[in-house]
Structure formats: structure tokens, C-alpha cells
Amino acid sequence: MGQYDQRVDAYIARSAAFAKPILTHIREVVHQASPLINETIKWGMPFFDYKGPVCMMAAFKQHCGFGFWKASRLNDPQGLLQGSDAEAAAGSFGRIASIADLPGEDALTGLILQMIALNESGVKEIKKPSAPKPELAMPDDFGKLLKGNSAAKEHFEKFSPSNKRDYLEWFEEAKTDATREKRMQQAIEQITEGKSRNWKYK
């Protein structure tokens, strides 16, 4: 990890045309704020670190995101930060479609320097325990598929609640019946092998 990372250059280069000037501007402002900051890539996004994460940016199809890791710890008298838990996502300032959607350089620099000071002090973000999600009901059509495949049924019953939820939410998110059916068939194949929904990323 160094002050500049070629992977961030590559990330900006492959981003949409509208996003490139936004990402380049954010990058310049961050480094102008402090020469102590180093770049890296985490979870596929450019991160700016100094004794821990300071901020990160991301490009999407129609907007960019820019966020602070411990946003709820920052002093924000101008009310620039959106949401108390902005550190959980790449967007402390909402959807950014142009440089004009960002706060001014002075305001951003102030927040960046605050974040550096917090990391210097070793302040840790206090994690609030998340409320357990209610259990999802088994869809009748998927329940029938499981009953017809004893191996898949046995594996699914042994899955953790979160692994079960991953599959059931995946079915719910399908936009069409055809997509839903295809996803359920794929799920049966994976579950028969004891694989969770996101087994490729574990």
C-alpha cells in the first residue's frame, strides 16, 4: 500500500465517463488534505487509509458514492453527512452524479482531517447490536422442490438461518416468474452439494 495505488488508477479508468472526473476530483482533494493518506482497494472499491480507513469512493452505473468510515463520529455542523451510519456504505453524501453534488473542497478537507485525527487517537466505533431479522416463510414451490430432493433438503435444514435467508431473499428479488424458477433450480443444485448462496465468495 502506498500514497498512490495503480489499482485505483485502473478503477477510475474503467469507470463510466461521467464518473471519471468525480473520482479524480475526490482523489485529489483527499491527497491535498494530507500527504499521510495511502490508497488501497478493499471490497473492490478505492479506500484512503491512515492508521485505519479514512474514506472510500465508488462508481456505479449512474452515480458515484463517497463516504467516511466513522461518519457518526465526525463533527458536522453544516449537516453535510447523510445518516448516522454512513460508514456502513460508500455514500455519506447521497448519490453523486457530478462534482457539483459534492461539498466544497474546504468542507471535505475539514472532514478528512477530523477522520485522520480520530484514527490517530485510536477511537473505535461502537457497534450497535443489530436486531435479529424475522425468519422468512418457506415458499410453497421451493418447499416442494426440496421435498423432491432428499440431499438438498437435508443440507438446507442444517444451514444457518442467515444461509437459508440468503436463498429465500434471492428468490423474492426475482423480477419474473421465469427468473425465480431458474434461481430455485440453481439453488437446488448448489444446496445438493452443501453450498451456501454465496459460496464462491467464502
C-alpha atoms as a PDB file:
ATOM      1  CA  MET A   1       0.000   0.000   0.000  1.00  0.00           C
ATOM      2  CA  GLY A   2       1.385   3.436  -0.941  1.00  0.00           C
ATOM      3  CA  GLN A   3       0.275   7.013  -1.275  1.00  0.00           C
ATOM      4  CA  TYR A   4      -0.909   6.219  -4.799  1.00  0.00           C
ATOM      5  CA  ASP A   5      -2.046   2.781  -5.912  1.00  0.00           C
ATOM      6  CA  GLN A   6      -2.109   1.731  -9.582  1.00  0.00           C
ATOM      7  CA  ARG A   7      -5.256  -0.285  -8.882  1.00  0.00           C
ATOM      8  CA  VAL A   8      -7.060   2.978  -8.155  1.00  0.00           C
ATOM      9  CA  ASP A   9      -5.835   4.342 -11.497  1.00  0.00           C
ATOM     10  CA  ALA A  10      -7.282   1.231 -13.156  1.00  0.00           C
ATOM     11  CA  TYR A  11     -10.561   1.561 -11.227  1.00  0.00           C
ATOM     12  CA  ILE A  12     -11.023   5.143 -12.423  1.00  0.00           C
ATOM     13  CA  ALA A  13     -10.024   4.241 -15.995  1.00  0.00           C
ATOM     14  CA  ARG A  14     -12.700   1.544 -16.295  1.00  0.00           C
ATOM     15  CA  SER A  15     -15.436   3.654 -14.684  1.00  0.00           C
ATOM     16  CA  ALA A  16     -18.177   5.342 -16.723  1.00  0.00           C
ATOM     17  CA  ALA A  17     -17.274   8.604 -18.457  1.00  0.00           C
ATOM     18  CA  PHE A  18     -19.395  10.725 -16.080  1.00  0.00           C
ATOM     19  CA  ALA A  19     -17.692   9.125 -13.043  1.00  0.00           C
ATOM     20  CA  LYS A  20     -14.057   9.679 -14.012  1.00  0.00           C
ATOM     21  CA  PRO A  21     -13.865  13.426 -13.235  1.00  0.00           C
ATOM     22  CA  ILE A  22     -15.764  12.884  -9.959  1.00  0.00           C
ATOM     23  CA  LEU A  23     -13.435  10.125  -8.774  1.00  0.00           C
ATOM     24  CA  THR A  24     -10.355  12.056  -9.905  1.00  0.00           C
ATOM     25  CA  HIS A  25     -11.558  15.151  -8.021  1.00  0.00           C
ATOM     26  CA  ILE A  26     -12.227  13.193  -4.819  1.00  0.00           C
ATOM     27  CA  ARG A  27      -8.803  11.582  -5.060  1.00  0.00           C
ATOM     28  CA  GLU A  28      -7.089  14.949  -5.490  1.00  0.00           C
ATOM     29  CA  VAL A  29      -8.946  16.527  -2.572  1.00  0.00           C
ATOM     30  CA  VAL A  30      -8.100  13.617  -0.269  1.00  0.00           C
ATOM     31  CA  HIS A  31      -4.390  13.727  -1.047  1.00  0.00           C
ATOM     32  CA  GLN A  32      -4.276  17.525  -0.867  1.00  0.00           C
ATOM     33  CA  ALA A  33      -5.806  17.271   2.605  1.00  0.00           C
ATOM     34  CA  SER A  34      -2.904  15.179   3.896  1.00  0.00           C
ATOM     35  CA  PRO A  35       0.232  13.520   2.485  1.00  0.00           C
ATOM     36  CA  LEU A  36      -0.139  10.853   5.193  1.00  0.00           C
ATOM     37  CA  ILE A  37      -3.003   9.125   3.389  1.00  0.00           C
ATOM     38  CA  ASN A  38      -2.342   5.946   1.412  1.00  0.00           C
ATOM     39  CA  GLU A  39      -4.551   4.273  -1.179  1.00  0.00           C
ATOM     40  CA  THR A  40      -5.692   0.692  -1.368  1.00  0.00           C
ATOM     41  CA  ILE A  41      -8.557  -1.401  -2.726  1.00  0.00           C
ATOM     42  CA  LYS A  42     -10.985  -3.090  -0.329  1.00  0.00           C
ATOM     43  CA  TRP A  43     -14.176  -4.900  -1.307  1.00  0.00           C
ATOM     44  CA  GLY A  44     -13.494  -3.796  -4.877  1.00  0.00           C
ATOM     45  CA  MET A  45     -13.553  -0.067  -4.003  1.00  0.00           C
ATOM     46  CA  PRO A  46     -10.784   2.532  -3.611  1.00  0.00           C
ATOM     47  CA  PHE A  47     -10.089   3.255   0.064  1.00  0.00           C
ATOM     48  CA  PHE A  48      -7.993   6.045   1.553  1.00  0.00           C
ATOM     49  CA  ASP A  49      -6.261   4.938   4.760  1.00  0.00           C
ATOM     50  CA  TYR A  50      -4.226   6.404   7.575  1.00  0.00           C
ATOM     51  CA  LYS A  51      -3.958   4.189  10.664  1.00  0.00           C
ATOM     52  CA  GLY A  52      -7.227   2.683   9.519  1.00  0.00           C
ATOM     53  CA  PRO A  53      -9.842   3.608   6.921  1.00  0.00           C
ATOM     54  CA  VAL A  54     -10.451   7.331   6.429  1.00  0.00           C
ATOM     55  CA  CYS A  55     -12.853   7.368   3.493  1.00  0.00           C
ATOM     56  CA  MET A  56     -13.731   5.488   0.317  1.00  0.00           C
ATOM     57  CA  MET A  57     -15.263   6.117  -3.071  1.00  0.00           C
ATOM     58  CA  ALA A  58     -17.132   4.027  -5.609  1.00  0.00           C
ATOM     59  CA  ALA A  59     -18.574   4.351  -9.106  1.00  0.00           C
ATOM     60  CA  PHE A  60     -21.926   2.853 -10.054  1.00  0.00           C
ATOM     61  CA  LYS A  61     -23.880   2.868 -13.321  1.00  0.00           C
ATOM     62  CA  GLN A  62     -25.436   6.291 -12.871  1.00  0.00           C
ATOM     63  CA  HIS A  63     -23.838   7.798  -9.782  1.00  0.00           C
ATOM     64  CA  CYS A  64     -20.796   7.776  -7.523  1.00  0.00           C
ATOM     65  CA  GLY A  65     -20.539   7.353  -3.781  1.00  0.00           C
ATOM     66  CA  PHE A  66     -18.096   8.900  -1.337  1.00  0.00           C
ATOM     67  CA  GLY A  67     -18.157   8.053   2.330  1.00  0.00           C
ATOM     68  CA  PHE A  68     -16.342   8.253   5.658  1.00  0.00           C
ATOM     69  CA  TRP A  69     -15.679   5.100   7.647  1.00  0.00           C
ATOM     70  CA  LYS A  70     -16.718   6.501  11.033  1.00  0.00           C
ATOM     71  CA  ALA A  71     -19.040   9.220   9.821  1.00  0.00           C
ATOM     72  CA  SER A  72     -21.131   9.191  13.001  1.00  0.00           C
ATOM     73  CA  ARG A  73     -18.030  10.258  14.964  1.00  0.00           C
ATOM     74  CA  LEU A  74     -17.411  13.351  12.849  1.00  0.00           C
ATOM     75  CA  ASN A  75     -18.366  16.867  13.879  1.00  0.00           C
ATOM     76  CA  ASP A  76     -20.680  18.028  11.099  1.00  0.00           C
ATOM     77  CA  PRO A  77     -22.067  21.490  11.942  1.00  0.00           C
ATOM     78  CA  GLN A  78     -23.115  22.111   8.331  1.00  0.00           C
ATOM     79  CA  GLY A  79     -25.156  18.907   8.213  1.00  0.00           C
ATOM     80  CA  LEU A  80     -23.323  17.615   5.155  1.00  0.00           C
ATOM     81  CA  LEU A  81     -23.299  13.947   6.126  1.00  0.00           C
ATOM     82  CA  GLN A  82     -26.398  11.931   5.368  1.00  0.00           C
ATOM     83  CA  GLY A  83     -27.388   9.422   8.038  1.00  0.00           C
ATOM     84  CA  SER A  84     -25.704   8.490  11.313  1.00  0.00           C
ATOM     85  CA  ASP A  85     -24.410   5.182   9.979  1.00  0.00           C
ATOM     86  CA  ALA A  86     -22.913   6.451   6.739  1.00  0.00           C
ATOM     87  CA  GLU A  87     -19.766   4.473   7.463  1.00  0.00           C
ATOM     88  CA  ALA A  88     -21.670   1.319   6.553  1.00  0.00           C
ATOM     89  CA  ALA A  89     -21.927   2.326   2.909  1.00  0.00           C
ATOM     90  CA  ALA A  90     -19.972   4.193   0.257  1.00  0.00           C
ATOM     91  CA  GLY A  91     -22.245   7.204   0.395  1.00  0.00           C
ATOM     92  CA  SER A  92     -22.032   9.878   3.096  1.00  0.00           C
ATOM     93  CA  PHE A  93     -23.332  12.471   0.625  1.00  0.00           C
ATOM     94  CA  GLY A  94     -26.045  10.619  -1.279  1.00  0.00           C
ATOM     95  CA  ARG A  95     -25.937   9.918  -4.999  1.00  0.00           C
ATOM     96  CA  ILE A  96     -23.196  11.952  -6.681  1.00  0.00           C
ATOM     97  CA  ALA A  97     -23.789  12.498 -10.400  1.00  0.00           C
ATOM     98  CA  SER A  98     -21.396  15.438 -10.815  1.00  0.00           C
ATOM     99  CA  ILE A  99     -18.689  17.275  -8.889  1.00  0.00           C
ATOM    100  CA  ALA A 100     -21.311  19.909  -8.054  1.00  0.00           C
ATOM    101  CA  ASP A 101     -23.108  17.306  -5.887  1.00  0.00           C
ATOM    102  CA  LEU A 102     -20.107  17.202  -3.525  1.00  0.00           C
ATOM    103  CA  PRO A 103     -19.464  19.666  -0.687  1.00  0.00           C
ATOM    104  CA  GLY A 104     -16.749  22.232  -1.313  1.00  0.00           C
ATOM    105  CA  GLU A 105     -13.076  21.350  -1.013  1.00  0.00           C
ATOM    106  CA  ASP A 106     -12.659  23.193   2.302  1.00  0.00           C
ATOM    107  CA  ALA A 107     -15.558  21.309   3.888  1.00  0.00           C
ATOM    108  CA  LEU A 108     -14.304  17.955   2.616  1.00  0.00           C
ATOM    109  CA  THR A 109     -10.768  18.720   3.787  1.00  0.00           C
ATOM    110  CA  GLY A 110     -12.068  19.517   7.269  1.00  0.00           C
ATOM    111  CA  LEU A 111     -13.892  16.176   7.483  1.00  0.00           C
ATOM    112  CA  ILE A 112     -10.855  14.293   6.177  1.00  0.00           C
ATOM    113  CA  LEU A 113      -8.578  15.912   8.771  1.00  0.00           C
ATOM    114  CA  GLN A 114     -11.090  15.083  11.504  1.00  0.00           C
ATOM    115  CA  MET A 115     -11.079  11.458  10.422  1.00  0.00           C
ATOM    116  CA  ILE A 116      -7.279  11.351  10.441  1.00  0.00           C
ATOM    117  CA  ALA A 117      -7.289  12.774  13.979  1.00  0.00           C
ATOM    118  CA  LEU A 118      -9.807  10.140  15.100  1.00  0.00           C
ATOM    119  CA  ASN A 119      -7.638   7.358  13.697  1.00  0.00           C
ATOM    120  CA  GLU A 120      -4.589   8.918  15.384  1.00  0.00           C
ATOM    121  CA  SER A 121      -6.401   8.884  18.716  1.00  0.00           C
ATOM    122  CA  GLY A 122      -7.331   5.224  18.343  1.00  0.00           C
ATOM    123  CA  VAL A 123     -11.042   5.893  18.878  1.00  0.00           C
ATOM    124  CA  LYS A 124     -13.029   2.788  17.970  1.00  0.00           C
ATOM    125  CA  GLU A 125     -16.501   2.899  16.514  1.00  0.00           C
ATOM    126  CA  ILE A 126     -19.052   1.454  18.912  1.00  0.00           C
ATOM    127  CA  LYS A 127     -21.046  -1.175  17.080  1.00  0.00           C
ATOM    128  CA  LYS A 128     -24.722  -1.243  17.887  1.00  0.00           C
ATOM    129  CA  PRO A 129     -26.106  -4.759  18.050  1.00  0.00           C
ATOM    130  CA  SER A 130     -28.380  -5.318  15.102  1.00  0.00           C
ATOM    131  CA  ALA A 131     -31.871  -6.616  15.722  1.00  0.00           C
ATOM    132  CA  PRO A 132     -32.340 -10.209  14.557  1.00  0.00           C
ATOM    133  CA  LYS A 133     -34.221 -10.448  11.282  1.00  0.00           C
ATOM    134  CA  PRO A 134     -37.539 -12.285  11.377  1.00  0.00           C
ATOM    135  CA  GLU A 135     -37.456 -15.728   9.832  1.00  0.00           C
ATOM    136  CA  LEU A 136     -38.697 -15.872   6.245  1.00  0.00           C
ATOM    137  CA  ALA A 137     -41.511 -18.259   5.415  1.00  0.00           C
ATOM    138  CA  MET A 138     -40.646 -21.144   3.113  1.00  0.00           C
ATOM    139  CA  PRO A 139     -42.279 -20.588  -0.311  1.00  0.00           C
ATOM    140  CA  ASP A 140     -44.540 -23.488  -1.256  1.00  0.00           C
ATOM    141  CA  ASP A 141     -42.910 -24.005  -4.665  1.00  0.00           C
ATOM    142  CA  PHE A 142     -39.394 -24.165  -3.236  1.00  0.00           C
ATOM    143  CA  GLY A 143     -40.575 -26.375  -0.389  1.00  0.00           C
ATOM    144  CA  LYS A 144     -41.867 -28.883  -2.958  1.00  0.00           C
ATOM    145  CA  LEU A 145     -38.506 -28.856  -4.774  1.00  0.00           C
ATOM    146  CA  LEU A 146     -36.704 -29.589  -1.507  1.00  0.00           C
ATOM    147  CA  LYS A 147     -39.079 -32.448  -0.691  1.00  0.00           C
ATOM    148  CA  GLY A 148     -38.253 -33.974  -4.073  1.00  0.00           C
ATOM    149  CA  ASN A 149     -34.509 -33.924  -3.359  1.00  0.00           C
ATOM    150  CA  SER A 150     -33.583 -35.554  -0.060  1.00  0.00           C
ATOM    151  CA  ALA A 151     -29.925 -34.460  -0.211  1.00  0.00           C
ATOM    152  CA  ALA A 152     -30.840 -30.816  -0.794  1.00  0.00           C
ATOM    153  CA  LYS A 153     -33.498 -30.961   1.932  1.00  0.00           C
ATOM    154  CA  GLU A 154     -31.021 -32.401   4.441  1.00  0.00           C
ATOM    155  CA  HIS A 155     -28.384 -29.765   3.673  1.00  0.00           C
ATOM    156  CA  PHE A 156     -30.884 -26.903   3.726  1.00  0.00           C
ATOM    157  CA  GLU A 157     -32.223 -27.927   7.124  1.00  0.00           C
ATOM    158  CA  LYS A 158     -28.668 -27.847   8.504  1.00  0.00           C
ATOM    159  CA  PHE A 159     -27.962 -24.366   7.099  1.00  0.00           C
ATOM    160  CA  SER A 160     -27.726 -21.428   9.497  1.00  0.00           C
ATOM    161  CA  PRO A 161     -30.695 -19.021   9.496  1.00  0.00           C
ATOM    162  CA  SER A 162     -28.634 -16.474   7.543  1.00  0.00           C
ATOM    163  CA  ASN A 163     -27.721 -19.023   4.838  1.00  0.00           C
ATOM    164  CA  LYS A 164     -31.371 -20.003   4.482  1.00  0.00           C
ATOM    165  CA  ARG A 165     -32.368 -16.329   4.283  1.00  0.00           C
ATOM    166  CA  ASP A 166     -29.788 -15.666   1.539  1.00  0.00           C
ATOM    167  CA  TYR A 167     -31.531 -18.172  -0.725  1.00  0.00           C
ATOM    168  CA  LEU A 168     -35.103 -17.181   0.132  1.00  0.00           C
ATOM    169  CA  GLU A 169     -34.407 -13.458  -0.351  1.00  0.00           C
ATOM    170  CA  TRP A 170     -32.746 -14.272  -3.689  1.00  0.00           C
ATOM    171  CA  PHE A 171     -35.994 -15.872  -4.869  1.00  0.00           C
ATOM    172  CA  GLU A 172     -38.067 -12.912  -3.625  1.00  0.00           C
ATOM    173  CA  GLU A 173     -35.875 -10.455  -5.550  1.00  0.00           C
ATOM    174  CA  ALA A 174     -36.586 -12.135  -8.904  1.00  0.00           C
ATOM    175  CA  LYS A 175     -38.379  -9.765 -11.273  1.00  0.00           C
ATOM    176  CA  THR A 176     -40.137 -12.503 -13.293  1.00  0.00           C
ATOM    177  CA  ASP A 177     -41.525 -15.971 -12.659  1.00  0.00           C
ATOM    178  CA  ALA A 178     -39.020 -17.379 -15.153  1.00  0.00           C
ATOM    179  CA  THR A 179     -36.099 -15.848 -13.270  1.00  0.00           C
ATOM    180  CA  ARG A 180     -37.494 -17.084  -9.969  1.00  0.00           C
ATOM    181  CA  GLU A 181     -37.828 -20.629 -11.346  1.00  0.00           C
ATOM    182  CA  LYS A 182     -34.298 -20.541 -12.748  1.00  0.00           C
ATOM    183  CA  ARG A 183     -32.910 -19.342  -9.414  1.00  0.00           C
ATOM    184  CA  MET A 184     -34.712 -22.076  -7.497  1.00  0.00           C
ATOM    185  CA  GLN A 185     -33.363 -24.763  -9.838  1.00  0.00           C
ATOM    186  CA  GLN A 186     -29.839 -23.362  -9.445  1.00  0.00           C
ATOM    187  CA  ALA A 187     -30.317 -23.251  -5.687  1.00  0.00           C
ATOM    188  CA  ILE A 188     -31.330 -26.906  -5.563  1.00  0.00           C
ATOM    189  CA  GLU A 189     -28.158 -27.851  -7.461  1.00  0.00           C
ATOM    190  CA  GLN A 190     -25.967 -25.847  -5.095  1.00  0.00           C
ATOM    191  CA  ILE A 191     -27.716 -26.960  -1.916  1.00  0.00           C
ATOM    192  CA  THR A 192     -27.463 -30.603  -3.000  1.00  0.00           C
ATOM    193  CA  GLU A 193     -23.685 -30.068  -2.862  1.00  0.00           C
ATOM    194  CA  GLY A 194     -23.970 -28.375   0.529  1.00  0.00           C
ATOM    195  CA  LYS A 195     -23.149 -24.938  -0.901  1.00  0.00           C
ATOM    196  CA  SER A 196     -24.457 -21.703   0.537  1.00  0.00           C
ATOM    197  CA  ARG A 197     -25.859 -19.000  -1.730  1.00  0.00           C
ATOM    198  CA  ASN A 198     -22.583 -17.049  -1.758  1.00  0.00           C
ATOM    199  CA  TRP A 199     -20.196 -19.998  -1.543  1.00  0.00           C
ATOM    200  CA  LYS A 200     -17.950 -18.574  -4.282  1.00  0.00           C
ATOM    201  CA  TYR A 201     -17.052 -15.586  -2.094  1.00  0.00           C
ATOM    202  CA  LYS A 202     -16.256 -17.501   1.083  1.00  0.00           C
END
